[in-house]
C-alpha atoms as a PDB file:
ATOM      1  CA  MET A   1     -17.971  68.777  26.183  1.00  0.00           C
ATOM      2  CA  HIS A   2     -15.603  70.951  28.212  1.00  0.00           C
ATOM      3  CA  GLU A   3     -15.719  74.712  28.726  1.00  0.00           C
ATOM      4  CA  LEU A   4     -12.233  76.208  28.983  1.00  0.00           C
ATOM      5  CA  ALA A   5     -10.667  79.544  29.866  1.00  0.00           C
ATOM      6  CA  ILE A   6      -7.420  80.079  27.980  1.00  0.00           C
ATOM      7  CA  THR A   7      -4.901  82.892  28.352  1.00  0.00           C
ATOM      8  CA  VAL A   8      -2.045  83.693  26.003  1.00  0.00           C
ATOM      9  CA  ILE A   9       0.584  86.345  26.724  1.00  0.00           C
ATOM     10  CA  GLY A  10       3.747  87.244  24.846  1.00  0.00           C
ATOM     11  CA  PRO A  11       5.627  89.864  22.862  1.00  0.00           C
ATOM     12  CA  ASP A  12       3.386  91.246  20.129  1.00  0.00           C
ATOM     13  CA  ARG A  13       3.985  90.012  16.600  1.00  0.00           C
ATOM     14  CA  PRO A  14       1.896  89.440  13.504  1.00  0.00           C
ATOM     15  CA  GLY A  15       0.126  86.069  13.428  1.00  0.00           C
ATOM     16  CA  ILE A  16      -0.444  85.322  17.132  1.00  0.00           C
ATOM     17  CA  VAL A  17      -4.229  85.303  16.789  1.00  0.00           C
ATOM     18  CA  ALA A  18      -4.040  83.110  13.690  1.00  0.00           C
ATOM     19  CA  ASP A  19      -1.594  80.699  15.339  1.00  0.00           C
ATOM     20  CA  VAL A  20      -3.689  80.293  18.493  1.00  0.00           C
ATOM     21  CA  SER A  21      -7.060  80.051  16.761  1.00  0.00           C
ATOM     22  CA  GLU A  22      -5.783  77.559  14.172  1.00  0.00           C
ATOM     23  CA  ALA A  23      -4.210  75.354  16.846  1.00  0.00           C
ATOM     24  CA  LEU A  24      -7.417  75.349  18.879  1.00  0.00           C
ATOM     25  CA  ALA A  25      -9.639  74.726  15.848  1.00  0.00           C
ATOM     26  CA  ALA A  26      -7.464  71.726  14.966  1.00  0.00           C
ATOM     27  CA  VAL A  27      -8.473  70.044  18.254  1.00  0.00           C
ATOM     28  CA  GLY A  28     -12.146  71.018  17.931  1.00  0.00           C
ATOM     29  CA  ALA A  29     -12.253  74.080  20.180  1.00  0.00           C
ATOM     30  CA  ASN A  30     -15.094  76.474  19.419  1.00  0.00           C
ATOM     31  CA  LEU A  31     -14.196  80.028  20.531  1.00  0.00           C
ATOM     32  CA  THR A  32     -17.305  81.477  22.184  1.00  0.00           C
ATOM     33  CA  ASP A  33     -15.987  84.639  23.908  1.00  0.00           C
ATOM     34  CA  SER A  34     -12.665  86.389  23.586  1.00  0.00           C
ATOM     35  CA  THR A  35     -10.806  89.570  24.249  1.00  0.00           C
ATOM     36  CA  MET A  36      -7.464  90.383  22.718  1.00  0.00           C
ATOM     37  CA  THR A  37      -5.303  93.471  22.972  1.00  0.00           C
ATOM     38  CA  ARG A  38      -1.830  94.890  22.724  1.00  0.00           C
ATOM     39  CA  LEU A  39      -0.428  96.463  25.886  1.00  0.00           C
ATOM     40  CA  ARG A  40       2.826  98.409  25.491  1.00  0.00           C
ATOM     41  CA  GLY A  41       4.267  95.923  23.023  1.00  0.00           C
ATOM     42  CA  HIS A  42       2.870  92.821  24.706  1.00  0.00           C
ATOM     43  CA  PHE A  43      -0.030  90.844  23.302  1.00  0.00           C
ATOM     44  CA  THR A  44      -2.593  89.263  25.574  1.00  0.00           C
ATOM     45  CA  MET A  45      -5.723  87.285  24.876  1.00  0.00           C
ATOM     46  CA  THR A  46      -8.286  85.559  27.012  1.00  0.00           C
ATOM     47  CA  LEU A  47     -10.616  83.058  25.402  1.00  0.00           C
ATOM     48  CA  ILE A  48     -13.556  80.975  26.482  1.00  0.00           C
ATOM     49  CA  CYS A  49     -14.047  77.957  24.279  1.00  0.00           C
ATOM     50  CA  THR A  50     -15.923  74.681  24.269  1.00  0.00           C
ATOM     51  CA  GLY A  51     -14.861  71.311  23.009  1.00  0.00           C
ATOM     52  CA  PRO A  52     -11.593  69.585  23.849  1.00  0.00           C
ATOM     53  CA  SER A  53     -10.270  68.525  27.220  1.00  0.00           C
ATOM     54  CA  PRO A  54      -7.885  70.901  28.984  1.00  0.00           C
ATOM     55  CA  ALA A  55      -5.005  68.546  28.167  1.00  0.00           C
ATOM     56  CA  GLU A  56      -5.855  68.551  24.435  1.00  0.00           C
ATOM     57  CA  ALA A  57      -6.098  72.339  24.332  1.00  0.00           C
ATOM     58  CA  GLU A  58      -2.857  72.756  26.283  1.00  0.00           C
ATOM     59  CA  ALA A  59      -1.055  70.349  23.946  1.00  0.00           C
ATOM     60  CA  ALA A  60      -2.352  72.269  20.925  1.00  0.00           C
ATOM     61  CA  ILE A  61      -1.193  75.713  22.054  1.00  0.00           C
ATOM     62  CA  GLY A  62       1.644  74.722  24.390  1.00  0.00           C
ATOM     63  CA  THR A  63       4.063  74.395  21.498  1.00  0.00           C
ATOM     64  CA  LEU A  64       3.504  77.916  20.148  1.00  0.00           C
ATOM     65  CA  SER A  65       6.726  79.892  20.092  1.00  0.00           C
ATOM     66  CA  GLY A  66       7.339  82.895  22.341  1.00  0.00           C
ATOM     67  CA  VAL A  67       4.090  82.907  24.308  1.00  0.00           C
ATOM     68  CA  VAL A  68       3.023  81.790  27.754  1.00  0.00           C
ATOM     69  CA  THR A  69      -0.290  79.944  27.845  1.00  0.00           C
ATOM     70  CA  GLN A  70      -2.642  78.691  30.526  1.00  0.00           C
ATOM     71  CA  VAL A  71      -5.688  76.477  30.115  1.00  0.00           C
ATOM     72  CA  ARG A  72      -8.210  75.688  32.805  1.00  0.00           C
ATOM     73  CA  GLN A  73     -11.664  74.209  32.857  1.00  0.00           C
ATOM     74  CA  VAL A  74     -14.451  76.557  33.947  1.00  0.00           C
ATOM     75  CA  SER A  75     -18.123  76.145  34.743  1.00  0.00           C
ATOM     76  CA  PRO A  76     -20.698  77.460  32.315  1.00  0.00           C
ATOM     77  CA  GLU A  77     -21.850  81.001  33.043  1.00  0.00           C
ATOM     78  CA  THR A  78     -24.320  81.178  35.883  1.00  0.00           C
ATOM     79  CA  TYR A  79     -24.392  84.935  36.543  1.00  0.00           C
ATOM     80  CA  ALA A  80     -27.259  86.616  34.736  1.00  0.00           C
ATOM     81  CA  SER A  81     -27.201  90.384  34.825  1.00  0.00           C
ATOM     82  CA  SER A  82     -30.404  92.183  35.643  1.00  0.00           C
ATOM     83  CA  GLY A  83     -28.684  95.534  35.470  1.00  0.00           C
ATOM     84  CA  GLU A  84     -28.778  98.408  33.046  1.00  0.00           C
ATOM     85  CA  PRO A  85     -25.752  99.099  30.819  1.00  0.00           C
ATOM     86  CA  TYR A  86     -23.679 102.211  31.549  1.00  0.00           C
ATOM     87  CA  VAL A  87     -20.241 103.507  30.617  1.00  0.00           C
ATOM     88  CA  VAL A  88     -17.860 105.140  33.093  1.00  0.00           C
ATOM     89  CA  SER A  89     -15.116 107.324  31.612  1.00  0.00           C
ATOM     90  CA  VAL A  90     -12.167 108.831  33.452  1.00  0.00           C
ATOM     91  CA  HIS A  91      -9.716 111.377  32.021  1.00  0.00           C
ATOM     92  CA  GLY A  92      -6.948 113.167  33.845  1.00  0.00           C
ATOM     93  CA  ALA A  93      -3.383 113.259  35.004  1.00  0.00           C
ATOM     94  CA  ASP A  94      -1.940 109.863  35.845  1.00  0.00           C
ATOM     95  CA  ARG A  95      -1.703 109.032  39.512  1.00  0.00           C
ATOM     96  CA  LEU A  96      -1.667 105.985  41.726  1.00  0.00           C
ATOM     97  CA  GLY A  97      -5.043 104.512  42.706  1.00  0.00           C
ATOM     98  CA  ILE A  98      -7.399 105.701  39.957  1.00  0.00           C
ATOM     99  CA  VAL A  99      -8.610 102.228  38.972  1.00  0.00           C
ATOM    100  CA  ALA A 100      -8.931 101.112  42.590  1.00  0.00           C
ATOM    101  CA  ALA A 101     -10.937 104.158  43.658  1.00  0.00           C
ATOM    102  CA  VAL A 102     -13.315 104.232  40.690  1.00  0.00           C
ATOM    103  CA  THR A 103     -14.003 100.503  40.685  1.00  0.00           C
ATOM    104  CA  ARG A 104     -14.616 100.518  44.448  1.00  0.00           C
ATOM    105  CA  VAL A 105     -17.278 103.223  44.012  1.00  0.00           C
ATOM    106  CA  VAL A 106     -18.931 101.201  41.231  1.00  0.00           C
ATOM    107  CA  ALA A 107     -18.892  98.034  43.350  1.00  0.00           C
ATOM    108  CA  ALA A 108     -20.333  99.861  46.366  1.00  0.00           C
ATOM    109  CA  ALA A 109     -23.274 100.923  44.177  1.00  0.00           C
ATOM    110  CA  GLY A 110     -23.885  97.295  43.194  1.00  0.00           C
ATOM    111  CA  GLY A 111     -22.409  97.779  39.732  1.00  0.00           C
ATOM    112  CA  ASN A 112     -20.740  94.916  37.899  1.00  0.00           C
ATOM    113  CA  ILE A 113     -17.823  95.800  35.609  1.00  0.00           C
ATOM    114  CA  THR A 114     -18.186  93.851  32.366  1.00  0.00           C
ATOM    115  CA  ASP A 115     -15.283  95.426  30.468  1.00  0.00           C
ATOM    116  CA  LEU A 116     -12.545  97.852  31.463  1.00  0.00           C
ATOM    117  CA  SER A 117      -9.628  99.331  29.586  1.00  0.00           C
ATOM    118  CA  THR A 118      -7.045 101.919  30.504  1.00  0.00           C
ATOM    119  CA  ARG A 119      -4.453 103.796  28.515  1.00  0.00           C
ATOM    120  CA  LEU A 120      -1.606 106.080  29.539  1.00  0.00           C
ATOM    121  CA  ALA A 121      -0.675 108.615  26.848  1.00  0.00           C
ATOM    122  CA  GLY A 122       2.133 110.782  28.158  1.00  0.00           C
ATOM    123  CA  THR A 123       0.733 112.136  31.407  1.00  0.00           C
ATOM    124  CA  LEU A 124      -2.946 111.680  30.417  1.00  0.00           C
ATOM    125  CA  TYR A 125      -4.655 108.660  31.929  1.00  0.00           C
ATOM    126  CA  VAL A 126      -7.867 107.348  30.355  1.00  0.00           C
ATOM    127  CA  LEU A 127     -10.149 104.666  31.795  1.00  0.00           C
ATOM    128  CA  VAL A 128     -13.300 103.385  30.084  1.00  0.00           C
ATOM    129  CA  ALA A 129     -15.478 100.792  31.819  1.00  0.00           C
ATOM    130  CA  GLU A 130     -18.687  99.153  30.726  1.00  0.00           C
ATOM    131  CA  ILE A 131     -20.838  98.310  33.734  1.00  0.00           C
ATOM    132  CA  ASP A 132     -24.177  96.762  34.588  1.00  0.00           C
ATOM    133  CA  LEU A 133     -25.937  98.875  37.176  1.00  0.00           C
ATOM    134  CA  PRO A 134     -28.970  98.057  39.325  1.00  0.00           C
ATOM    135  CA  PRO A 135     -32.113  99.910  38.237  1.00  0.00           C
ATOM    136  CA  ALA A 136     -32.379 103.448  39.650  1.00  0.00           C
ATOM    137  CA  ALA A 137     -28.776 103.472  40.920  1.00  0.00           C
ATOM    138  CA  ALA A 138     -27.317 105.799  38.276  1.00  0.00           C
ATOM    139  CA  ASP A 139     -27.964 109.161  39.937  1.00  0.00           C
ATOM    140  CA  GLU A 140     -26.410 108.130  43.253  1.00  0.00           C
ATOM    141  CA  LEU A 141     -23.456 106.514  41.475  1.00  0.00           C
ATOM    142  CA  ALA A 142     -22.873 109.652  39.388  1.00  0.00           C
ATOM    143  CA  GLU A 143     -22.687 111.698  42.600  1.00  0.00           C
ATOM    144  CA  GLN A 144     -20.259 109.262  44.239  1.00  0.00           C
ATOM    145  CA  LEU A 145     -18.089 109.152  41.108  1.00  0.00           C
ATOM    146  CA  ALA A 146     -17.964 112.959  41.072  1.00  0.00           C
ATOM    147  CA  VAL A 147     -16.694 112.930  44.664  1.00  0.00           C
ATOM    148  CA  ALA A 148     -14.070 110.293  43.839  1.00  0.00           C
ATOM    149  CA  GLY A 149     -13.029 112.190  40.721  1.00  0.00           C
ATOM    150  CA  ALA A 150     -12.568 115.410  42.694  1.00  0.00           C
ATOM    151  CA  GLU A 151     -10.432 113.580  45.267  1.00  0.00           C
ATOM    152  CA  LEU A 152      -8.320 112.065  42.474  1.00  0.00           C
ATOM    153  CA  GLY A 153      -8.116 115.250  40.418  1.00  0.00           C
ATOM    154  CA  VAL A 154      -9.655 113.593  37.341  1.00  0.00           C
ATOM    155  CA  GLU A 155     -12.856 114.026  35.335  1.00  0.00           C
ATOM    156  CA  VAL A 156     -15.315 111.139  35.705  1.00  0.00           C
ATOM    157  CA  THR A 157     -18.458 110.738  33.625  1.00  0.00           C
ATOM    158  CA  LEU A 158     -21.279 108.194  33.734  1.00  0.00           C
ATOM    159  CA  ARG A 159     -23.598 107.734  30.777  1.00  0.00           C
ATOM    160  CA  ARG A 160     -26.189 105.196  29.786  1.00  0.00           C
ATOM    161  CA  ALA A 161     -24.798 102.865  27.135  1.00  0.00           C
ATOM    162  CA  GLU A 162     -26.562 102.434  23.863  1.00  0.00           C
ATOM    163  CA  PRO A 163     -27.432  98.718  23.510  1.00  0.00           C
ATOM    164  CA  GLU A 164     -26.087  98.514  19.941  1.00  0.00           C
ATOM    165  CA  ILE A 165     -22.679  99.753  21.163  1.00  0.00           C
ATOM    166  CA  LEU A 166     -22.292  96.874  23.602  1.00  0.00           C
END
């Protein structure tokens, strides 16, 4: 059995998820993890699935109209988090370097970003990241994020995530 990472990108339209999932199911692909979103009129999805060979999966979705696809074989997950779940939120005026600065601070604290989304609404920039943080690192990270936020002119908050939310 193969484990595959599949990406699909194209102009948003109704039915993309159905088209992709039906094509993959037809060749025996079991979707185990996925993320799908619409970004300024473009649809993107990343899937991890098990089952068919990369060639079979590519043949199944390669004929879908209007989308660009990529299939590659990946190794089963080997990284096991021992961290605690937190959420980092950023709100403020849009400016260059917000994602780079905030994620660098998280990485320096040993945090692993497990999900991140951003949205620009007019001039307001919003970033929300789910992270795994080493035990007892939250206070120091909160201080470092406050410094980065002040330098960027944005508000940054760190809060412990509720397990049922994640």
